[in-house]
Amino acid sequence: MSNLQEKLNQNDKSSEKIDVIIVGAGFSGLYMLYRVRELGMTVRIIEAADGVGGTWYWNRYPGARCDIESLQYSYSFSDTLREEWHWSERYASQPEILNYLNYVADKFDLRKDIQFQTRVTTANFDETLSRWNIQTDNNEQISAKFCIMATGCLSVPKKIDLKGMDTFKGNIYYTSQWPHTSINFTGQRVAVIGTGSSGIQSIPIIAQQADHVYVFQQTPSFSIPAHNGPLDTKVEQSWKINYDEHRRKVLGSSFGVEVNDMISDKPATTATSEEQQEVYETQWQIGGLTFIFSFNDLLFNKEANITAADFVSSKIRAIVKDPMTAESLTSQDYPIGCKRVCIDTNYYDTYNRNNVTLINLRKENIEEITTIGIKTKNNIYQVDNIIFATGFDAMTGALLNINIQGRSGNKLKEKWIKGPCTYLGIMTADFPNLFMITGPGSPSVLTNMIVSIEQHVEWITECLDYLRKHHYDSIEATNEAEDAWVNQVNAIANATLFPTANSWYMGANIPGKPRVCMVYVGGFVAYHKICQDIVANGYEGFQLMKNN
């Protein structure tokens, strides 16, 4: 019998009632498990994969790495963990992040409460008992007082349905579900469809191997150089020695990252052209996502935003030698920062290689996949491999993949048919005792995810402890509080440039998905304060109930 099967058998307690069920064993699920255990509650994680890691388990494509610096993309809850672990690069690669999460799982003995290779298919709330009845894909029934969704914001791949896909005689890969074996494209022709983050990271690596790479681009991204490299040991030591100060700066940032000292605290519209160029150049040389913080009005003022977008476009044109290719790569029709800004290593330089061809899908759409490759309006591209770097059904995909039924049989899929509505992105009305970690309506993907995850987990932990100490059986958001929060999320978003971009923040990458802002764009600091005030006011906006 395999070790995995032994663990599954050990965790087979389907006839027992437990206090907490957690869905997902990524960053949020692991930390949630750790905190629930501290409360002395019985808990189990249900995880579809055969290992921990969440998005870092599945996304193993060439070049996959984080766009938040390693020292900041780390748990803060354990001093010993922080002292023991050493990151090797400024921006950690997928294998290293996965190693980190496995190290965490082992260090805190978390695996014994994780049931792998199991998917939750249904979650129904029993009003009489105030418990969630969970069903898995192996027909296991689990009863839990609290259900916590740690399913991730970017965990369900966007579905691709192109004519002729089933006829292609080569290999088809998805960056979001990359095989767990080594793939070498040496001597082969490769098509990469999509130029978001995963495309931008993988294309330079694949181009070094393949005979030829055809990049199919619908919408060009804005990408900033990462300037990645080995992590300076002096930087790491300084960070650890002065951790409390660094942490204070992280928690005091709207985006949950410590910005460098060269960030300007004034609007671009008040700066001269020379001052703008100097600041942008400094940030470009530093590299990373902090470029978008160069001035404090870039996400609010179109005129200011254009100055930053034009600077990046000028850099692209200076790097890419072919004028037509450069034009396609700079034909963004949305404000910089209102779709996820990417960071890269040699992405634009890759288009100077003789074995890389950019196909602008705005000029020649894909008509079908053939047995030998991809047919567009103008050409047939013969390839041996097709890679879909097409992203995710973000924010809501994982939640709506589960048949979740709350009070009076209300279905989450039906409630959210016009867009997700939550209170704080943590709970949704008529679904008692159902928590979401970094759900829609929270800052989540607009911040350092680890900072937002830890804040949510700690808020939920405090809530569970409060309910137990005060003998409450259930908690749920009121409809009034939820409506007010949704209106606040939309009002803040509408005061920015975010709604002007057809981004996955707005659900625009999925046909038929409601076009609403699914992220709280007011910043981490403001959001954190709101959450604290709600607790201080006796869980204002929530209804706490006792069965008897």
Protein backbone atom coordinates (compact mmCIF):
# COMPACT_ATOMS: atom_id res chain seq x y z
CA MET A 1 0.00 0.00 0.00
CA SER A 2 1.38 3.47 -0.91
CA ASN A 3 2.08 6.11 1.72
CA LEU A 4 -0.57 8.26 0.07
CA GLN A 5 -3.21 5.56 0.40
CA GLU A 6 -2.25 4.99 4.03
CA LYS A 7 -2.76 8.68 4.68
CA LEU A 8 -6.13 8.63 2.93
CA ASN A 9 -7.20 5.66 5.01
CA GLN A 10 -6.05 7.35 8.20
CA ASN A 11 -8.12 10.40 7.30
CA ASP A 12 -11.23 8.40 6.40
CA LYS A 13 -13.51 9.64 9.15
CA SER A 14 -16.61 10.15 7.04
CA SER A 15 -18.94 8.95 9.80
CA GLU A 16 -17.59 11.49 12.27
CA LYS A 17 -18.57 15.09 12.68
CA ILE A 18 -15.77 17.61 12.71
CA ASP A 19 -15.63 21.26 13.64
CA VAL A 20 -14.01 22.70 10.52
CA ILE A 21 -13.61 21.59 6.92
CA ILE A 22 -11.11 23.52 4.77
CA VAL A 23 -11.14 23.22 0.99
CA GLY A 24 -7.67 23.66 -0.51
CA ALA A 25 -4.09 23.12 0.70
CA GLY A 26 -2.27 26.10 -0.74
CA PHE A 27 -0.89 29.07 1.20
CA SER A 28 -4.29 29.92 2.68
CA GLY A 29 -5.43 26.39 3.50
CA LEU A 30 -2.20 25.44 5.25
CA TYR A 31 -2.17 28.55 7.42
CA MET A 32 -5.88 28.15 8.19
CA LEU A 33 -5.24 24.58 9.30
CA TYR A 34 -2.41 25.73 11.54
CA ARG A 35 -4.62 28.36 13.20
CA VAL A 36 -7.67 26.13 13.65
CA ARG A 37 -5.49 23.54 15.34
CA GLU A 38 -4.34 26.21 17.82
CA LEU A 39 -7.99 26.64 18.79
CA GLY A 40 -8.17 22.95 19.64
CA MET A 41 -10.90 22.32 17.06
CA THR A 42 -11.14 19.20 14.91
CA VAL A 43 -10.25 20.02 11.32
CA ARG A 44 -9.55 18.48 7.95
CA ILE A 45 -8.40 19.86 4.61
CA ILE A 46 -9.81 18.41 1.40
CA GLU A 47 -7.35 18.83 -1.47
CA ALA A 48 -7.74 17.77 -5.11
CA ALA A 49 -4.00 17.37 -5.76
CA ASP A 50 -1.75 14.67 -4.36
CA GLY A 51 0.37 17.27 -2.59
CA VAL A 52 0.26 20.71 -0.99
CA GLY A 53 0.91 23.95 -2.84
CA GLY A 54 -2.30 25.10 -4.48
CA THR A 55 -1.49 27.25 -7.50
CA TRP A 56 2.21 26.46 -7.02
CA TYR A 57 1.45 22.76 -7.29
CA TRP A 58 -0.35 23.06 -10.64
CA ASN A 59 1.52 25.87 -12.41
CA ARG A 60 4.81 24.20 -13.30
CA TYR A 61 5.32 25.71 -16.74
CA PRO A 62 8.83 26.72 -17.84
CA GLY A 63 9.94 29.91 -16.12
CA ALA A 64 7.10 30.00 -13.57
CA ARG A 65 7.97 32.25 -10.66
CA CYS A 66 6.39 34.78 -8.30
CA ASP A 67 6.18 38.49 -9.11
CA ILE A 68 6.45 39.48 -5.43
CA GLU A 69 9.93 39.44 -3.91
CA SER A 70 10.70 36.23 -2.00
CA LEU A 71 11.35 37.86 1.36
CA GLN A 72 7.89 39.40 1.24
CA TYR A 73 6.13 36.41 -0.34
CA SER A 74 6.56 34.37 2.84
CA TYR A 75 4.60 33.54 5.95
CA SER A 76 5.11 35.88 8.91
CA PHE A 77 3.50 33.79 11.67
CA SER A 78 6.58 31.81 12.73
CA ASP A 79 9.90 33.33 13.78
CA THR A 80 11.66 29.97 13.59
CA LEU A 81 10.34 29.31 10.08
CA ARG A 82 11.61 32.68 8.96
CA GLU A 83 15.04 32.06 10.47
CA GLU A 84 15.37 28.54 9.08
CA TRP A 85 14.29 29.15 5.51
CA HIS A 86 16.63 30.72 2.95
CA TRP A 87 15.39 31.94 -0.41
CA SER A 88 17.91 31.64 -3.23
CA GLU A 89 16.61 34.36 -5.58
CA ARG A 90 15.08 37.81 -5.42
CA TYR A 91 11.96 36.36 -7.07
CA ALA A 92 11.36 32.73 -6.15
CA SER A 93 10.73 30.12 -8.83
CA GLN A 94 7.80 27.72 -8.72
CA PRO A 95 9.92 24.74 -7.59
CA GLU A 96 11.38 26.74 -4.70
CA ILE A 97 7.97 28.03 -3.57
CA LEU A 98 6.59 24.49 -3.71
CA ASN A 99 9.58 23.28 -1.67
CA TYR A 100 8.84 26.02 0.85
CA LEU A 101 5.21 24.95 1.24
CA ASN A 102 6.23 21.31 1.61
CA TYR A 103 8.73 22.39 4.26
CA VAL A 104 5.96 24.25 6.10
CA ALA A 105 3.63 21.24 5.89
CA ASP A 106 6.32 18.98 7.33
CA LYS A 107 7.61 21.39 9.96
CA PHE A 108 4.16 21.84 11.49
CA ASP A 109 3.01 18.26 10.83
CA LEU A 110 0.06 19.45 8.75
CA ARG A 111 -0.27 16.48 6.40
CA LYS A 112 -1.99 14.27 8.96
CA ASP A 113 -5.08 16.48 8.66
CA ILE A 114 -5.05 16.74 4.85
CA GLN A 115 -6.99 14.39 2.60
CA PHE A 116 -5.38 14.47 -0.82
CA GLN A 117 -6.70 13.47 -4.26
CA THR A 118 -10.22 14.38 -3.24
CA ARG A 119 -12.55 17.06 -4.59
CA VAL A 120 -15.51 18.62 -2.82
CA THR A 121 -18.49 18.40 -5.15
CA THR A 122 -21.35 19.57 -2.93
CA ALA A 123 -21.74 21.62 0.23
CA ASN A 124 -25.23 21.93 1.72
CA PHE A 125 -26.14 23.85 4.87
CA ASP A 126 -28.40 22.06 7.35
CA GLU A 127 -30.42 24.81 9.04
CA THR A 128 -31.68 22.57 11.82
CA LEU A 129 -28.23 21.52 12.98
CA SER A 130 -26.34 24.61 11.74
CA ARG A 131 -23.83 22.34 10.02
CA TRP A 132 -22.44 21.93 6.53
CA ASN A 133 -22.89 18.59 4.83
CA ILE A 134 -19.96 18.05 2.47
CA GLN A 135 -19.85 15.47 -0.31
CA THR A 136 -16.68 14.53 -2.17
CA ASP A 137 -16.06 12.94 -5.53
CA ASN A 138 -15.51 9.57 -3.85
CA ASN A 139 -19.02 9.80 -2.32
CA GLU A 140 -17.68 10.51 1.15
CA GLN A 141 -20.02 12.45 3.42
CA ILE A 142 -18.55 14.87 5.94
CA SER A 143 -20.40 17.01 8.47
CA ALA A 144 -18.69 20.19 9.65
CA LYS A 145 -19.88 23.15 11.68
CA PHE A 146 -17.77 25.54 9.64
CA CYS A 147 -16.75 25.38 6.00
CA ILE A 148 -13.78 27.48 4.91
CA MET A 149 -13.06 27.93 1.22
CA ALA A 150 -9.31 28.22 0.64
CA THR A 151 -9.76 27.53 -3.05
CA GLY A 152 -7.65 30.37 -4.40
CA CYS A 153 -8.30 33.30 -6.73
CA LEU A 154 -6.45 31.80 -9.70
CA SER A 155 -7.08 28.08 -9.56
CA VAL A 156 -9.60 27.19 -12.29
CA PRO A 157 -8.20 27.38 -15.84
CA LYS A 158 -10.14 29.26 -18.47
CA LYS A 159 -11.92 26.78 -20.71
CA ILE A 160 -10.72 26.73 -24.30
CA ASP A 161 -13.03 25.58 -27.07
CA LEU A 162 -11.48 26.12 -30.47
CA LYS A 163 -12.77 24.37 -33.55
CA GLY A 164 -10.72 21.28 -34.39
CA MET A 165 -8.83 20.95 -31.10
CA ASP A 166 -9.58 17.24 -30.97
CA THR A 167 -8.03 16.71 -34.41
CA PHE A 168 -4.56 18.07 -33.63
CA LYS A 169 -1.96 15.29 -33.87
CA GLY A 170 0.67 17.03 -31.77
CA ASN A 171 0.81 17.78 -28.05
CA ILE A 172 -1.46 20.26 -26.26
CA TYR A 173 -0.37 21.79 -22.96
CA TYR A 174 -1.87 24.30 -20.52
CA THR A 175 0.42 26.46 -18.41
CA SER A 176 -2.09 26.20 -15.55
CA GLN A 177 -2.02 22.38 -15.59
CA TRP A 178 1.52 21.64 -16.69
CA PRO A 179 2.69 18.01 -16.68
CA HIS A 180 4.78 16.93 -13.71
CA THR A 181 7.46 15.53 -15.99
CA SER A 182 10.25 17.35 -17.78
CA ILE A 183 9.39 18.48 -21.31
CA ASN A 184 12.06 19.43 -23.81
CA PHE A 185 11.08 21.28 -26.97
CA THR A 186 14.46 20.97 -28.66
CA GLY A 187 14.08 20.73 -32.43
CA GLN A 188 10.31 21.24 -32.29
CA ARG A 189 7.91 23.93 -33.42
CA VAL A 190 5.84 25.40 -30.62
CA ALA A 191 2.78 27.64 -30.61
CA VAL A 192 2.10 29.67 -27.46
CA ILE A 193 -1.36 31.19 -27.28
CA GLY A 194 -1.57 34.01 -24.74
CA THR A 195 0.79 36.75 -23.56
CA GLY A 196 -0.24 37.29 -19.97
CA SER A 197 2.02 36.45 -17.06
CA SER A 198 2.48 32.74 -17.81
CA GLY A 199 3.17 33.41 -21.49
CA ILE A 200 5.63 36.18 -20.70
CA GLN A 201 7.50 33.94 -18.27
CA SER A 202 7.53 30.80 -20.41
CA ILE A 203 8.16 32.15 -23.92
CA PRO A 204 11.83 33.15 -23.35
CA ILE A 205 12.60 29.72 -21.87
CA ILE A 206 10.85 27.78 -24.62
CA ALA A 207 12.51 29.92 -27.30
CA GLN A 208 15.92 28.80 -26.06
CA GLN A 209 14.98 25.17 -26.83
CA ALA A 210 12.53 25.12 -29.71
CA ASP A 211 13.30 25.15 -33.40
CA HIS A 212 10.66 27.87 -33.74
CA VAL A 213 8.13 29.56 -31.46
CA TYR A 214 4.96 31.17 -32.78
CA VAL A 215 3.44 33.54 -30.22
CA PHE A 216 -0.27 34.25 -30.70
CA GLN A 217 -1.16 37.53 -29.01
CA GLN A 218 -4.67 38.92 -28.60
CA THR A 219 -3.86 41.77 -26.23
CA PRO A 220 -0.33 42.90 -25.39
CA SER A 221 0.67 43.22 -21.75
CA PHE A 222 2.72 45.85 -20.04
CA SER A 223 5.79 44.13 -18.60
CA ILE A 224 8.54 45.53 -16.41
CA PRO A 225 11.99 43.90 -16.08
CA ALA A 226 12.38 41.80 -12.95
CA HIS A 227 16.17 42.16 -12.73
CA ASN A 228 16.03 38.83 -10.96
CA GLY A 229 19.13 37.17 -9.59
CA PRO A 230 20.58 35.44 -6.56
CA LEU A 231 19.33 36.89 -3.30
CA ASP A 232 22.08 38.92 -1.66
CA THR A 233 22.83 37.28 1.70
CA LYS A 234 23.43 40.71 3.22
CA VAL A 235 19.95 41.79 2.12
CA GLU A 236 18.46 38.64 3.61
CA GLN A 237 20.31 39.07 6.90
CA SER A 238 19.30 42.73 7.12
CA TRP A 239 15.69 41.80 6.43
CA LYS A 240 15.69 39.20 9.20
CA ILE A 241 17.44 41.42 11.71
CA ASN A 242 15.08 44.32 11.04
CA TYR A 243 12.02 42.19 10.35
CA ASP A 244 9.60 44.11 12.55
CA GLU A 245 10.36 47.35 10.74
CA HIS A 246 10.03 45.72 7.33
CA ARG A 247 6.76 44.13 8.40
CA ARG A 248 5.44 47.50 9.58
CA LYS A 249 6.13 48.96 6.14
CA VAL A 250 4.49 46.00 4.41
CA LEU A 251 1.33 46.28 6.52
CA GLY A 252 1.32 50.03 6.00
CA SER A 253 1.29 49.72 2.22
CA SER A 254 -1.90 49.80 0.18
CA PHE A 255 -0.67 46.81 -1.83
CA GLY A 256 0.93 44.82 0.98
CA VAL A 257 4.47 45.26 -0.31
CA GLU A 258 7.36 47.31 0.96
CA VAL A 259 8.05 49.92 -1.69
CA ASN A 260 11.52 51.30 -2.23
CA ASP A 261 12.61 54.74 -1.08
CA MET A 262 12.54 56.16 -4.60
CA ILE A 263 8.76 55.89 -4.88
CA SER A 264 7.19 59.30 -5.36
CA ASP A 265 4.38 60.44 -3.09
CA LYS A 266 3.18 63.11 -5.49
CA PRO A 267 1.00 63.05 -8.62
CA ALA A 268 2.54 62.65 -12.04
CA THR A 269 0.39 65.54 -13.23
CA THR A 270 2.31 67.96 -11.00
CA ALA A 271 5.73 66.76 -12.17
CA THR A 272 7.60 68.11 -15.16
CA SER A 273 8.26 65.82 -18.09
CA GLU A 274 11.89 65.60 -17.03
CA GLU A 275 10.91 64.65 -13.47
CA GLN A 276 8.54 62.00 -14.76
CA GLN A 277 11.19 60.46 -16.96
CA GLU A 278 13.73 60.45 -14.13
CA VAL A 279 11.35 58.67 -11.75
CA TYR A 280 10.24 56.14 -14.36
CA GLU A 281 13.81 55.40 -15.38
CA THR A 282 14.81 54.84 -11.75
CA GLN A 283 11.92 52.43 -11.23
CA TRP A 284 12.65 50.63 -14.50
CA GLN A 285 16.23 50.03 -13.39
CA ILE A 286 15.08 48.77 -9.98
CA GLY A 287 12.53 46.53 -11.66
CA GLY A 288 9.41 44.86 -10.39
CA LEU A 289 5.80 45.77 -9.75
CA THR A 290 6.62 48.91 -7.78
CA PHE A 291 6.91 50.71 -11.12
CA ILE A 292 3.15 51.29 -10.97
CA PHE A 293 3.66 53.21 -7.71
CA SER A 294 6.04 55.69 -9.38
CA PHE A 295 3.42 58.40 -8.79
CA ASN A 296 0.33 58.32 -6.62
CA ASP A 297 -2.19 59.15 -9.34
CA LEU A 298 -1.36 56.58 -12.02
CA LEU A 299 -4.41 54.42 -11.28
CA PHE A 300 -6.77 57.37 -10.94
CA ASN A 301 -5.88 59.92 -13.59
CA LYS A 302 -5.87 59.02 -17.29
CA GLU A 303 -3.47 61.81 -18.21
CA ALA A 304 -1.00 60.67 -15.55
CA ASN A 305 -1.38 57.03 -16.57
CA ILE A 306 -0.53 57.83 -20.18
CA THR A 307 2.87 59.20 -19.13
CA ALA A 308 3.76 55.86 -17.53
CA ALA A 309 2.35 53.81 -20.41
CA ASP A 310 4.24 55.87 -22.95
CA PHE A 311 7.48 55.38 -21.03
CA VAL A 312 7.09 51.59 -21.05
CA SER A 313 6.16 51.63 -24.74
CA SER A 314 9.29 53.62 -25.51
CA LYS A 315 11.37 51.01 -23.69
CA ILE A 316 9.74 48.20 -25.68
CA ARG A 317 10.45 49.97 -28.97
CA ALA A 318 14.07 50.49 -27.93
CA ILE A 319 14.48 46.78 -27.19
CA VAL A 320 12.54 45.16 -30.06
CA LYS A 321 14.33 45.66 -33.36
CA ASP A 322 11.53 44.88 -35.82
CA PRO A 323 9.20 47.94 -36.01
CA MET A 324 6.07 45.91 -36.84
CA THR A 325 6.65 43.53 -33.93
CA ALA A 326 7.32 46.46 -31.61
CA GLU A 327 4.10 48.10 -32.78
CA SER A 328 2.09 44.96 -31.96
CA LEU A 329 3.71 44.73 -28.53
CA THR A 330 2.88 48.37 -27.73
CA SER A 331 -0.71 48.43 -28.99
CA GLN A 332 -2.23 48.29 -25.51
CA ASP A 333 -5.65 49.89 -25.43
CA TYR A 334 -6.05 50.06 -21.65
CA PRO A 335 -4.37 51.98 -18.81
CA ILE A 336 -1.18 50.52 -17.42
CA GLY A 337 -1.82 48.77 -14.09
CA CYS A 338 -5.50 48.13 -14.76
CA LYS A 339 -4.64 44.69 -16.05
CA ARG A 340 -2.05 42.76 -14.09
CA VAL A 341 1.35 44.28 -14.80
CA CYS A 342 3.85 41.53 -15.59
CA ILE A 343 7.51 41.35 -14.71
CA ASP A 344 9.89 39.51 -16.99
CA THR A 345 13.34 38.28 -17.78
CA ASN A 346 14.32 38.96 -21.41
CA TYR A 347 10.73 38.81 -22.68
CA TYR A 348 10.99 41.65 -25.20
CA ASP A 349 14.55 40.66 -26.18
CA THR A 350 13.18 37.25 -27.15
CA TYR A 351 11.40 38.80 -30.14
CA ASN A 352 14.81 39.66 -31.61
CA ARG A 353 15.55 35.95 -32.01
CA ASN A 354 15.27 34.50 -35.51
CA ASN A 355 13.24 31.56 -34.20
CA VAL A 356 10.41 33.65 -32.67
CA THR A 357 7.42 35.01 -34.60
CA LEU A 358 4.68 37.16 -33.11
CA ILE A 359 1.19 36.75 -34.59
CA ASN A 360 -1.15 39.64 -33.85
CA LEU A 361 -4.61 38.11 -33.45
CA ARG A 362 -6.23 41.48 -33.87
CA LYS A 363 -5.16 41.27 -37.49
CA GLU A 364 -5.61 37.54 -38.11
CA ASN A 365 -7.91 35.62 -35.77
CA ILE A 366 -7.50 31.93 -35.11
CA GLU A 367 -10.13 30.15 -37.21
CA GLU A 368 -9.44 26.58 -36.17
CA ILE A 369 -6.93 24.02 -34.98
CA THR A 370 -6.01 21.58 -37.72
CA THR A 371 -4.26 18.23 -37.63
CA ILE A 372 -0.92 19.94 -38.23
CA GLY A 373 -1.25 23.25 -36.43
CA ILE A 374 -3.17 26.52 -36.25
CA LYS A 375 -5.14 28.11 -39.08
CA THR A 376 -5.69 31.85 -38.95
CA LYS A 377 -7.42 34.12 -41.41
CA ASN A 378 -4.20 34.53 -43.38
CA ASN A 379 -1.96 31.54 -42.68
CA ILE A 380 -1.53 28.00 -41.46
CA TYR A 381 1.19 27.60 -38.83
CA GLN A 382 2.54 24.05 -38.68
CA VAL A 383 3.57 23.15 -35.14
CA ASP A 384 4.34 20.09 -33.05
CA ASN A 385 3.05 21.55 -29.77
CA ILE A 386 0.35 24.02 -28.76
CA ILE A 387 0.60 25.72 -25.36
CA PHE A 388 -2.41 27.56 -23.99
CA ALA A 389 -1.25 30.35 -21.67
CA THR A 390 -4.79 31.67 -21.47
CA GLY A 391 -5.29 32.28 -17.77
CA PHE A 392 -8.05 31.53 -15.31
CA ASP A 393 -11.70 31.85 -14.45
CA ALA A 394 -10.52 34.17 -11.70
CA MET A 395 -11.98 34.92 -8.29
CA THR A 396 -15.23 32.96 -8.62
CA GLY A 397 -14.35 29.92 -10.75
CA ALA A 398 -13.35 27.56 -7.95
CA LEU A 399 -16.26 28.53 -5.72
CA LEU A 400 -18.86 28.12 -8.45
CA ASN A 401 -17.43 24.77 -9.51
CA ILE A 402 -18.79 23.40 -6.23
CA ASN A 403 -22.54 23.00 -5.78
CA ILE A 404 -22.91 25.21 -2.69
CA GLN A 405 -26.40 25.52 -1.18
CA GLY A 406 -27.07 27.74 1.81
CA ARG A 407 -30.13 28.70 3.78
CA SER A 408 -33.49 27.63 2.29
CA GLY A 409 -31.65 25.78 -0.47
CA ASN A 410 -30.28 28.99 -1.98
CA LYS A 411 -27.60 28.15 -4.53
CA LEU A 412 -24.46 30.24 -4.75
CA LYS A 413 -24.43 29.86 -8.55
CA GLU A 414 -27.87 31.43 -8.76
CA LYS A 415 -27.15 34.14 -6.22
CA TRP A 416 -24.02 35.22 -8.09
CA ILE A 417 -25.47 34.99 -11.59
CA LYS A 418 -25.13 38.76 -12.02
CA GLY A 419 -21.80 38.88 -10.28
CA PRO A 420 -20.36 37.93 -6.90
CA CYS A 421 -21.79 39.68 -3.86
CA THR A 422 -20.09 39.29 -0.50
CA TYR A 423 -19.50 41.08 2.74
CA LEU A 424 -15.78 41.91 2.96
CA GLY A 425 -15.04 39.07 0.53
CA ILE A 426 -15.21 36.81 3.60
CA MET A 427 -18.87 35.76 3.78
CA THR A 428 -22.04 35.96 1.70
CA ALA A 429 -25.59 36.39 3.02
CA ASP A 430 -27.78 33.27 3.39
CA PHE A 431 -24.71 31.04 3.65
CA PRO A 432 -24.04 30.79 7.40
CA ASN A 433 -20.69 29.55 8.69
CA LEU A 434 -19.25 29.59 5.15
CA PHE A 435 -16.02 31.58 5.01
CA MET A 436 -13.96 32.54 1.98
CA ILE A 437 -10.27 33.36 2.18
CA THR A 438 -9.49 36.29 -0.17
CA GLY A 439 -12.88 35.95 -1.82
CA PRO A 440 -14.36 38.38 -4.36
CA GLY A 441 -14.82 41.79 -2.83
CA SER A 442 -11.55 41.68 -0.87
CA PRO A 443 -8.19 43.23 -1.88
CA SER A 444 -6.69 39.78 -2.69
CA VAL A 445 -5.03 39.85 -6.13
CA LEU A 446 -4.31 43.58 -5.98
CA THR A 447 -2.03 42.96 -3.02
CA ASN A 448 0.77 40.67 -1.94
CA MET A 449 -1.42 37.56 -1.62
CA ILE A 450 0.40 36.28 1.47
CA VAL A 451 -0.37 39.47 3.39
CA SER A 452 -4.05 39.30 2.45
CA ILE A 453 -4.22 35.57 3.17
CA GLU A 454 -2.74 35.96 6.63
CA GLN A 455 -5.10 38.84 7.43
CA HIS A 456 -8.14 36.80 6.39
CA VAL A 457 -7.03 33.66 8.18
CA GLU A 458 -6.40 35.57 11.39
CA TRP A 459 -9.76 37.36 11.13
CA ILE A 460 -11.58 34.05 10.63
CA THR A 461 -9.65 32.43 13.49
CA GLU A 462 -10.61 35.25 15.84
CA CYS A 463 -14.22 34.92 14.69
CA LEU A 464 -14.33 31.15 15.33
CA ASP A 465 -12.89 31.68 18.79
CA TYR A 466 -15.44 34.42 19.51
CA LEU A 467 -18.36 32.24 18.43
CA ARG A 468 -17.21 29.36 20.60
CA LYS A 469 -16.57 31.47 23.70
CA HIS A 470 -19.99 33.14 23.40
CA HIS A 471 -21.81 29.89 22.53
CA TYR A 472 -23.07 31.01 19.11
CA ASP A 473 -23.97 28.31 16.60
CA SER A 474 -23.77 30.36 13.43
CA ILE A 475 -22.69 33.62 11.86
CA GLU A 476 -23.73 35.07 8.53
CA ALA A 477 -23.62 38.37 6.72
CA THR A 478 -26.82 40.38 6.64
CA ASN A 479 -28.26 41.30 3.26
CA GLU A 480 -28.08 44.98 4.17
CA ALA A 481 -24.38 44.83 5.04
CA GLU A 482 -23.64 42.83 1.92
CA ASP A 483 -25.47 45.27 -0.35
CA ALA A 484 -23.66 48.19 1.25
CA TRP A 485 -20.28 46.48 0.80
CA VAL A 486 -20.92 45.63 -2.86
CA ASN A 487 -21.92 49.25 -3.47
CA GLN A 488 -18.78 50.45 -1.70
CA VAL A 489 -16.54 48.11 -3.72
CA ASN A 490 -18.11 49.35 -6.96
CA ALA A 491 -18.00 53.01 -5.95
CA ILE A 492 -14.30 52.86 -5.12
CA ALA A 493 -13.53 50.96 -8.34
CA ASN A 494 -15.48 53.51 -10.39
CA ALA A 495 -13.33 56.28 -8.94
CA THR A 496 -10.29 54.61 -10.55
CA LEU A 497 -9.30 53.57 -14.06
CA PHE A 498 -9.81 49.85 -13.37
CA PRO A 499 -13.28 49.56 -14.98
CA THR A 500 -11.91 50.97 -18.26
CA ALA A 501 -9.90 47.80 -18.93
CA ASN A 502 -11.36 44.47 -20.07
CA SER A 503 -9.43 42.58 -17.40
CA TRP A 504 -10.01 39.43 -15.43
CA TYR A 505 -10.42 41.74 -12.44
CA MET A 506 -13.69 42.66 -14.18
CA GLY A 507 -14.49 39.13 -15.37
CA ALA A 508 -13.92 40.21 -18.96
CA ASN A 509 -11.74 37.24 -19.95
CA ILE A 510 -14.59 34.72 -19.64
CA PRO A 511 -17.42 34.83 -22.23
CA GLY A 512 -20.75 35.41 -20.52
CA LYS A 513 -19.26 36.27 -17.15
CA PRO A 514 -20.79 39.37 -15.50
CA ARG A 515 -18.68 42.51 -15.94
CA VAL A 516 -18.25 43.73 -12.38
CA CYS A 517 -15.17 44.66 -10.37
CA MET A 518 -14.42 41.62 -8.22
CA VAL A 519 -11.65 43.21 -6.18
CA TYR A 520 -11.67 45.83 -3.45
CA VAL A 521 -9.33 48.48 -4.85
CA GLY A 522 -9.30 50.73 -1.78
CA GLY A 523 -6.05 49.19 -0.60
CA PHE A 524 -4.96 46.80 2.11
CA VAL A 525 -4.57 49.39 4.88
CA ALA A 526 -8.09 50.76 4.50
CA TYR A 527 -9.56 47.28 4.20
CA HIS A 528 -7.72 46.00 7.26
CA LYS A 529 -9.02 48.93 9.32
CA ILE A 530 -12.60 48.24 8.18
CA CYS A 531 -12.31 44.60 9.23
CA GLN A 532 -10.92 45.58 12.63
CA ASP A 533 -13.68 48.13 13.21
CA ILE A 534 -16.37 45.60 12.33
CA VAL A 535 -15.08 43.24 15.01
CA ALA A 536 -14.71 46.08 17.54
CA ASN A 537 -18.36 46.95 16.92
CA GLY A 538 -19.53 43.47 17.82
CA TYR A 539 -19.30 41.99 14.33
CA GLU A 540 -21.30 44.78 12.79
CA GLY A 541 -23.12 43.63 9.65
CA PHE A 542 -23.19 40.01 10.77
CA GLN A 543 -25.99 38.07 12.38
CA LEU A 544 -24.86 35.77 15.17
CA MET A 545 -27.36 33.11 16.23
CA LYS A 546 -27.92 30.42 18.84
CA ASN A 547 -30.04 27.37 18.05
CA ASN A 548 -31.68 27.27 21.47
